């Protein structure tokens, strides 16, 4: 006596950040696929697969293909981890360490320049007048931390 082709679970399990839609199939024409989501072995009394379904929380899915006149397939298994069970980690580091800067301290400097009637061209003995220019520079800060 022949066997049914194993049930195919798609996707084949893994870690997901949101609920995932699962499809089950078998290459054996006319086979009935039965499955469980609690990790127990499926049997003739388990849920019959009829359409794609969502796995919304972590589960171990097991499926089997059955057909009258054939032996049952082997049990296919897929483990799904959904949502909060996923741990995100950072794989980079800043090198060198971030520099420390003072929080928004103004730096005031003065500069003296001459203006002449000659559009800024300086000539010896220029009769132009002097002005003072004040420049204020503000050190940046990120969220008030003084670090960036």
Protein backbone atom coordinates (compact mmCIF):
# COMPACT_ATOMS: atom_id res chain seq x y z
CA UNK A 1 0.00 0.00 0.00
CA UNK A 2 1.30 3.52 -0.91
CA UNK A 3 1.63 6.53 1.32
CA UNK A 4 0.20 10.05 0.98
CA UNK A 5 2.75 12.74 0.18
CA UNK A 6 3.65 14.74 3.31
CA UNK A 7 1.67 17.89 4.08
CA UNK A 8 3.55 21.08 3.15
CA UNK A 9 3.34 23.97 5.64
CA UNK A 10 3.95 27.42 4.16
CA UNK A 11 5.68 29.43 5.52
CA UNK A 12 7.80 26.76 7.19
CA UNK A 13 7.73 28.45 10.60
CA UNK A 14 10.02 31.06 12.11
CA UNK A 15 9.81 34.35 14.02
CA UNK A 16 7.29 36.98 12.93
CA UNK A 17 6.46 40.42 14.33
CA UNK A 18 2.76 40.15 13.41
CA UNK A 19 0.22 37.37 12.78
CA UNK A 20 1.09 35.21 9.78
CA UNK A 21 -1.18 33.52 7.23
CA UNK A 22 -0.44 29.80 6.86
CA UNK A 23 -1.33 27.51 3.97
CA UNK A 24 -1.25 23.71 3.98
CA UNK A 25 -1.07 21.47 0.92
CA UNK A 26 -0.24 17.95 -0.25
CA UNK A 27 0.73 16.66 -3.69
CA UNK A 28 -1.59 13.68 -3.16
CA UNK A 29 -4.75 14.43 -5.15
CA UNK A 30 -7.91 14.25 -3.03
CA UNK A 31 -6.06 13.95 0.30
CA UNK A 32 -7.58 15.51 3.42
CA UNK A 33 -5.17 17.52 5.54
CA UNK A 34 -5.72 17.58 9.28
CA UNK A 35 -3.76 19.77 11.69
CA UNK A 36 -3.24 20.87 15.29
CA UNK A 37 -1.75 24.10 16.67
CA UNK A 38 -0.93 22.91 20.19
CA UNK A 39 1.97 20.65 19.21
CA UNK A 40 0.04 17.40 19.62
CA UNK A 41 0.02 14.76 16.90
CA UNK A 42 -2.88 15.19 14.43
CA UNK A 43 -5.38 12.34 14.06
CA UNK A 44 -8.60 11.53 12.18
CA UNK A 45 -10.49 13.72 14.66
CA UNK A 46 -8.25 16.81 14.29
CA UNK A 47 -9.28 20.03 12.50
CA UNK A 48 -9.68 19.63 8.70
CA UNK A 49 -7.79 22.20 6.61
CA UNK A 50 -10.07 23.99 4.15
CA UNK A 51 -8.57 27.46 3.63
CA UNK A 52 -5.52 29.53 4.66
CA UNK A 53 -5.66 30.63 8.31
CA UNK A 54 -3.82 33.04 10.58
CA UNK A 55 -1.48 32.10 13.40
CA UNK A 56 -1.81 35.08 15.79
CA UNK A 57 0.20 33.79 18.75
CA UNK A 58 3.20 31.53 19.16
CA UNK A 59 2.32 27.94 18.26
CA UNK A 60 3.66 24.61 17.05
CA UNK A 61 1.69 23.52 13.99
CA UNK A 62 1.59 19.85 13.04
CA UNK A 63 -0.16 18.52 9.91
CA UNK A 64 -0.84 15.16 8.26
CA UNK A 65 -2.29 14.16 4.86
CA UNK A 66 -4.88 11.33 4.81
CA UNK A 67 -6.70 9.53 1.99
CA UNK A 68 -8.82 6.40 1.93
CA UNK A 69 -6.87 3.50 0.40
CA UNK A 70 -3.47 5.05 1.22
CA UNK A 71 -1.37 5.11 4.36
CA UNK A 72 -1.23 8.45 6.20
CA UNK A 73 1.72 10.72 5.46
CA UNK A 74 4.43 11.51 7.94
CA UNK A 75 3.61 14.38 10.33
CA UNK A 76 4.95 17.77 9.21
CA UNK A 77 5.86 20.26 11.94
CA UNK A 78 6.49 24.03 11.96
CA UNK A 79 7.04 26.31 14.96
CA UNK A 80 5.83 29.92 14.78
CA UNK A 81 7.00 32.62 17.19
CA UNK A 82 4.77 35.71 17.01
CA UNK A 83 5.16 39.20 18.45
CA UNK A 84 6.61 39.86 21.89
CA UNK A 85 8.69 36.69 21.87
CA UNK A 86 11.03 38.34 19.35
CA UNK A 87 14.06 40.10 20.84
CA UNK A 88 15.66 42.82 18.74
CA UNK A 89 19.34 43.49 19.28
CA UNK A 90 21.71 46.09 17.94
CA UNK A 91 24.76 44.83 16.09
CA UNK A 92 26.73 48.06 15.82
CA UNK A 93 28.68 50.30 18.14
CA UNK A 94 29.78 53.88 17.75
CA UNK A 95 33.56 54.17 17.64
CA UNK A 96 35.07 56.38 18.93
CA UNK A 97 32.61 57.06 21.78
CA UNK A 98 30.37 60.11 21.29
CA UNK A 99 31.90 63.46 22.18
CA UNK A 100 30.52 65.52 25.04
CA UNK A 101 29.57 69.10 24.25
CA UNK A 102 28.38 71.80 26.64
CA UNK A 103 24.67 72.60 26.43
CA UNK A 104 23.91 75.56 24.15
CA UNK A 105 26.54 77.99 25.36
CA UNK A 106 26.89 81.02 23.12
CA UNK A 107 30.33 81.84 21.81
CA UNK A 108 30.64 85.56 21.14
CA UNK A 109 33.36 86.99 18.95
CA UNK A 110 33.91 90.40 17.42
CA UNK A 111 35.37 91.34 14.09
CA UNK A 112 36.33 94.79 12.85
CA UNK A 113 36.02 95.63 9.21
CA UNK A 114 36.41 98.80 7.18
CA UNK A 115 33.95 100.12 4.65
CA UNK A 116 35.05 102.58 2.04
CA UNK A 117 33.31 104.46 -0.71
CA UNK A 118 35.22 102.20 -3.07
CA UNK A 119 33.01 99.07 -2.54
CA UNK A 120 35.31 97.35 -0.10
CA UNK A 121 38.60 97.79 -1.95
CA UNK A 122 41.13 98.87 0.63
CA UNK A 123 43.53 101.58 -0.31
CA UNK A 124 46.26 103.05 1.80
CA UNK A 125 44.92 106.05 3.64
CA UNK A 126 41.27 105.00 3.16
CA UNK A 127 38.81 107.50 4.66
CA UNK A 128 36.14 104.80 5.29
CA UNK A 129 34.68 104.10 8.71
CA UNK A 130 34.99 101.09 10.99
CA UNK A 131 32.14 98.92 12.20
CA UNK A 132 32.03 96.11 14.69
CA UNK A 133 30.30 92.88 13.84
CA UNK A 134 29.21 90.52 16.61
CA UNK A 135 28.92 86.81 15.73
CA UNK A 136 27.11 84.45 18.08
CA UNK A 137 27.60 80.72 17.65
CA UNK A 138 25.45 78.24 19.53
CA UNK A 139 26.78 74.77 20.34
CA UNK A 140 24.19 72.17 19.29
CA UNK A 141 22.63 69.71 21.71
CA UNK A 142 20.39 66.69 21.21
CA UNK A 143 17.28 66.45 23.40
CA UNK A 144 19.03 68.53 26.05
CA UNK A 145 21.57 65.78 26.72
CA UNK A 146 24.64 67.66 25.62
CA UNK A 147 25.76 64.63 23.58
CA UNK A 148 25.59 63.92 19.86
